[in-house]
Amino acid sequence: IVQFRGVVHHGQARGRVLGFPTANLKVESPIDKEFHRGVYVGLVQWEGGPQFGTLVNFGVRPTFAEGELSIELHILDFSGNLYGKTLDVTVVQRLRDEQRFEGVDALIKQIELDIKQARSVLQEGAGLS
C-alpha cells in the first residue's frame, strides 16, 4: 500500500470531455520511485470527509502523446469542484500497465473496464460499493 498527498490543479479537462472527469494532482513529494506507470485502484479523502474509491492513473497519457508524467484520479461516485483541495490517496492495488490506445473509443472502453474492476476490488477489500 502506497500513500501520498497532492493538491488538485487544472488540467486539460480531457477526462471530463471523455465522460470520466479527473482530478489532476500536484504531489508534495516525489513518488515516481514508488510507482511504475499504470492504472491503480485506491481510496481518496479530503478535509476529513468520507473516503471514495478512485482510479489512479500514473503516467504520460501516451494515447494523446503528452509526454509529461502526471497523476490523475477518477473518483468513483463523486462530482464536484476539487480545485485547490488537498487530497490524501491510498493506493491499494495495481490494475494494469499504462498503454497507448488506437483511438478514443478504445480508451473509453478500457476505462469502463477499469472502473468495473476497481469497484470489484473495493467491494472485496474495503467494504465499499
Protein backbone atom coordinates (compact mmCIF):
# COMPACT_ATOMS: atom_id res chain seq x y z
CA ILE A 1 0.00 0.00 0.00
CA VAL A 2 1.32 3.40 -1.04
CA GLN A 3 0.02 6.68 0.35
CA PHE A 4 0.56 10.19 -0.94
CA ARG A 5 -0.94 13.65 -0.77
CA GLY A 6 -1.49 16.17 -3.54
CA VAL A 7 -3.27 19.38 -4.44
CA VAL A 8 -5.81 19.38 -7.28
CA HIS A 9 -4.85 21.68 -10.14
CA HIS A 10 -6.32 22.46 -13.55
CA GLY A 11 -5.55 20.03 -16.35
CA GLN A 12 -6.78 19.98 -19.93
CA ALA A 13 -10.28 18.74 -18.97
CA ARG A 14 -9.84 15.83 -21.37
CA GLY A 15 -11.21 13.34 -18.82
CA ARG A 16 -14.40 15.36 -18.45
CA VAL A 17 -14.81 15.51 -22.24
CA LEU A 18 -14.41 11.71 -22.42
CA GLY A 19 -17.04 11.26 -19.69
CA PHE A 20 -14.59 10.42 -16.89
CA PRO A 21 -13.67 13.63 -15.05
CA THR A 22 -10.34 13.51 -13.29
CA ALA A 23 -8.62 15.38 -10.50
CA ASN A 24 -5.10 16.24 -11.61
CA LEU A 25 -2.70 16.24 -8.66
CA LYS A 26 0.48 18.10 -7.87
CA VAL A 27 2.09 15.77 -5.38
CA GLU A 28 4.05 17.14 -2.44
CA SER A 29 6.83 14.53 -2.54
CA PRO A 30 8.34 12.57 -5.41
CA ILE A 31 6.55 9.25 -5.79
CA ASP A 32 7.95 8.11 -9.13
CA LYS A 33 10.20 5.62 -7.31
CA GLU A 34 7.15 4.03 -5.65
CA PHE A 35 5.12 3.63 -8.83
CA HIS A 36 5.50 2.14 -12.25
CA ARG A 37 3.40 3.86 -14.88
CA GLY A 38 -0.06 2.37 -14.94
CA VAL A 39 -3.58 2.31 -13.53
CA TYR A 40 -4.26 1.61 -9.88
CA VAL A 41 -7.22 1.27 -7.52
CA GLY A 42 -7.23 3.43 -4.43
CA LEU A 43 -9.12 5.34 -1.81
CA VAL A 44 -9.19 9.13 -1.59
CA GLN A 45 -10.27 11.53 1.12
CA TRP A 46 -10.08 15.28 1.69
CA GLU A 47 -10.84 17.65 4.57
CA GLY A 48 -11.71 14.79 6.92
CA GLY A 49 -14.69 13.81 4.78
CA PRO A 50 -15.74 10.35 3.63
CA GLN A 51 -13.47 8.10 1.60
CA PHE A 52 -14.25 7.49 -2.06
CA GLY A 53 -12.97 4.76 -4.30
CA THR A 54 -10.78 6.03 -7.10
CA LEU A 55 -8.85 5.02 -10.18
CA VAL A 56 -5.34 6.42 -10.15
CA ASN A 57 -3.56 6.92 -13.46
CA PHE A 58 0.17 7.48 -13.14
CA GLY A 59 1.81 8.06 -16.47
CA VAL A 60 2.35 10.16 -19.56
CA ARG A 61 -1.00 9.67 -21.38
CA PRO A 62 0.55 8.01 -24.44
CA THR A 63 -2.71 7.90 -26.43
CA PHE A 64 -2.52 11.70 -26.59
CA ALA A 65 1.29 11.89 -26.93
CA GLU A 66 1.53 14.12 -23.86
CA GLY A 67 4.94 13.02 -22.62
CA GLU A 68 4.75 14.71 -19.21
CA LEU A 69 4.36 12.48 -16.14
CA SER A 70 1.07 13.11 -14.37
CA ILE A 71 -1.18 11.74 -11.64
CA GLU A 72 -4.90 11.78 -12.35
CA LEU A 73 -7.73 10.44 -10.20
CA HIS A 74 -11.16 9.43 -11.47
CA ILE A 75 -13.12 9.48 -8.21
CA LEU A 76 -15.98 6.98 -8.26
CA ASP A 77 -19.47 8.24 -7.44
CA PHE A 78 -18.35 11.83 -6.94
CA SER A 79 -19.00 15.01 -8.83
CA GLY A 80 -17.97 18.42 -7.64
CA ASN A 81 -15.23 21.00 -7.71
CA LEU A 82 -11.99 19.93 -6.01
CA TYR A 83 -9.65 22.59 -7.43
CA GLY A 84 -7.18 23.70 -4.77
CA LYS A 85 -8.15 20.95 -2.32
CA THR A 86 -5.54 18.67 -0.78
CA LEU A 87 -6.35 15.01 -1.36
CA ASP A 88 -4.99 12.06 0.63
CA VAL A 89 -4.67 8.98 -1.56
CA THR A 90 -4.12 5.37 -0.53
CA VAL A 91 -3.27 3.04 -3.41
CA VAL A 92 -4.47 -0.50 -2.73
CA GLN A 93 -3.90 -2.44 -5.96
CA ARG A 94 -2.34 -2.15 -9.40
CA LEU A 95 -4.73 -2.92 -12.26
CA ARG A 96 -2.58 -2.70 -15.36
CA ASP A 97 0.35 -1.10 -17.17
CA GLU A 98 -0.03 2.18 -18.96
CA GLN A 99 -0.78 1.61 -22.62
CA ARG A 100 -1.34 3.52 -25.82
CA PHE A 101 -4.75 3.05 -27.46
CA GLU A 102 -5.53 3.29 -31.16
CA GLY A 103 -8.19 5.87 -30.52
CA VAL A 104 -10.55 7.49 -28.05
CA ASP A 105 -13.23 4.77 -28.37
CA ALA A 106 -10.76 2.05 -27.37
CA LEU A 107 -9.58 4.17 -24.43
CA ILE A 108 -13.17 4.75 -23.24
CA LYS A 109 -13.89 1.01 -23.37
CA GLN A 110 -10.78 0.29 -21.31
CA ILE A 111 -11.65 2.96 -18.72
CA GLU A 112 -15.11 1.42 -18.37
CA LEU A 113 -13.46 -1.97 -17.73
CA ASP A 114 -11.03 -0.37 -15.26
CA ILE A 115 -13.93 1.18 -13.32
CA LYS A 116 -15.77 -2.13 -13.17
CA GLN A 117 -12.64 -3.90 -11.95
CA ALA A 118 -11.93 -1.14 -9.40
CA ARG A 119 -15.43 -1.45 -7.95
CA SER A 120 -14.91 -5.20 -7.59
CA VAL A 121 -11.55 -4.72 -5.83
CA LEU A 122 -13.01 -2.13 -3.47
CA GLN A 123 -16.08 -4.24 -2.62
CA GLU A 124 -13.91 -7.26 -1.81
CA GLY A 125 -11.17 -5.45 0.09
CA ALA A 126 -12.58 -2.30 1.58
CA GLY A 127 -16.28 -2.94 2.01
CA LEU A 128 -17.17 -0.08 -0.32
CA SER A 129 -19.64 -0.06 -3.17
